[in-house]
Amino acid sequence: MTVTVTRKPGGITQLFNTETGRVTYKCKAESGFMLIEAFGGIVKFHQKGSIATVTGHITSLESCDVLKKGTPEYKEALSSIISAHKEFAQSVSDSYQKEIQELETELSGL
């Protein structure tokens, strides 16, 4: 069994089982939001360890709710997702910039 682990914005980790095709989203923070197409809306993770699972056409939620477009919380959740994505992108960019600088320093020393 091979599981691919990917860090996502907003304190969410994606685990993908290559054998079963099962995708699990697990909240690493106290709460989080993620737009997951299989659930048809924004999944609101209520606590650390909350899980949303997708296997084929089967979906399940543990300690989560789905916010549909048009519900009062949807706009706030979408804003939170945008913010988390911007922060995540900046963090990844900073990490790569640091790596590039270290490699350029190494190159100039050769």
Protein backbone atom coordinates (compact mmCIF):
# COMPACT_ATOMS: atom_id res chain seq x y z
CA MET A 1 0.00 0.00 0.00
CA THR A 2 1.30 3.45 -0.92
CA VAL A 3 -0.08 6.59 0.64
CA THR A 4 0.92 9.96 -0.78
CA VAL A 5 0.80 12.75 1.81
CA THR A 6 0.37 16.35 0.64
CA ARG A 7 0.21 19.45 2.83
CA LYS A 8 -2.66 21.74 1.85
CA PRO A 9 -3.50 25.34 2.78
CA GLY A 10 -5.42 26.02 5.98
CA GLY A 11 -3.91 23.26 8.09
CA ILE A 12 -5.31 20.41 5.99
CA THR A 13 -3.32 17.31 5.00
CA GLN A 14 -4.35 15.15 2.03
CA LEU A 15 -3.65 11.42 2.15
CA PHE A 16 -4.07 9.51 -1.11
CA ASN A 17 -4.06 5.70 -1.12
CA THR A 18 -2.82 4.70 -4.57
CA GLU A 19 -4.22 1.16 -4.29
CA THR A 20 -7.80 1.98 -3.29
CA GLY A 21 -8.07 5.47 -4.79
CA ARG A 22 -9.23 6.66 -1.37
CA VAL A 23 -8.53 10.33 -0.59
CA THR A 24 -8.66 11.49 3.01
CA TYR A 25 -8.44 15.11 4.15
CA LYS A 26 -7.39 15.51 7.77
CA CYS A 27 -7.40 18.76 9.75
CA LYS A 28 -4.10 19.44 11.51
CA ALA A 29 -5.30 22.74 13.03
CA GLU A 30 -8.10 23.44 15.52
CA SER A 31 -10.40 24.18 12.59
CA GLY A 32 -10.21 24.62 8.85
CA PHE A 33 -12.09 25.03 5.57
CA MET A 34 -11.55 23.34 2.22
CA LEU A 35 -13.48 23.46 -1.03
CA ILE A 36 -13.94 19.77 -1.92
CA GLU A 37 -15.81 19.12 -5.16
CA ALA A 38 -16.99 15.65 -4.09
CA PHE A 39 -19.03 17.21 -1.27
CA GLY A 40 -20.45 19.98 -3.46
CA GLY A 41 -19.36 22.81 -1.20
CA ILE A 42 -16.91 23.93 1.45
CA VAL A 43 -16.09 21.35 4.07
CA LYS A 44 -15.81 22.94 7.51
CA PHE A 45 -13.47 20.97 9.78
CA HIS A 46 -14.56 21.65 13.37
CA GLN A 47 -11.53 20.37 15.28
CA LYS A 48 -8.03 18.97 15.04
CA GLY A 49 -8.23 15.46 13.62
CA SER A 50 -11.50 16.04 11.71
CA ILE A 51 -11.66 13.89 8.59
CA ALA A 52 -13.35 14.04 5.17
CA THR A 53 -12.99 10.91 3.04
CA VAL A 54 -13.71 10.28 -0.64
CA THR A 55 -13.56 6.78 -2.15
CA GLY A 56 -15.06 6.58 -5.62
CA HIS A 57 -18.64 7.83 -5.23
CA ILE A 58 -18.67 7.27 -1.45
CA THR A 59 -18.07 10.26 0.80
CA SER A 60 -17.97 10.45 4.58
CA LEU A 61 -17.35 13.14 7.17
CA GLU A 62 -16.15 12.97 10.78
CA SER A 63 -16.54 16.17 12.84
CA CYS A 64 -17.20 18.18 9.67
CA ASP A 65 -20.07 20.03 7.99
CA VAL A 66 -20.61 21.01 4.37
CA LEU A 67 -21.39 24.65 3.66
CA LYS A 68 -23.32 25.06 0.43
CA LYS A 69 -23.22 28.19 -1.72
CA GLY A 70 -25.87 30.59 -0.49
CA THR A 71 -25.65 29.64 3.19
CA PRO A 72 -24.71 32.49 5.57
CA GLU A 73 -21.30 31.02 6.47
CA TYR A 74 -20.22 30.29 2.88
CA LYS A 75 -18.86 33.77 2.09
CA GLU A 76 -16.85 33.90 5.33
CA ALA A 77 -15.51 30.38 4.72
CA LEU A 78 -14.50 31.27 1.15
CA SER A 79 -12.66 34.35 2.43
CA SER A 80 -10.87 32.16 4.95
CA ILE A 81 -9.86 29.72 2.17
CA ILE A 82 -8.51 32.57 0.01
CA SER A 83 -6.49 33.88 2.95
CA ALA A 84 -5.08 30.42 3.74
CA HIS A 85 -4.12 29.89 0.08
CA LYS A 86 -2.32 33.24 -0.07
CA GLU A 87 -0.41 32.48 3.14
CA PHE A 88 0.44 28.96 1.91
CA ALA A 89 1.64 30.24 -1.47
CA GLN A 90 3.84 32.86 0.20
CA SER A 91 5.32 30.25 2.54
CA VAL A 92 6.12 27.88 -0.36
CA SER A 93 7.58 30.77 -2.37
CA ASP A 94 9.79 31.87 0.56
CA SER A 95 11.00 28.30 1.00
CA TYR A 96 11.99 28.00 -2.67
CA GLN A 97 13.64 31.44 -2.65
CA LYS A 98 15.78 30.38 0.31
CA GLU A 99 16.76 27.15 -1.47
CA ILE A 100 17.65 29.09 -4.64
CA GLN A 101 19.82 31.52 -2.65
CA GLU A 102 21.65 28.64 -0.95
CA LEU A 103 22.32 26.99 -4.33
CA GLU A 104 23.53 30.28 -5.84
CA THR A 105 25.86 30.76 -2.87
CA GLU A 106 27.22 27.25 -3.39
CA LEU A 107 27.65 27.92 -7.13
CA SER A 108 29.53 31.17 -6.56
CA GLY A 109 31.91 29.34 -4.22
CA LEU A 110 32.92 26.85 -6.93
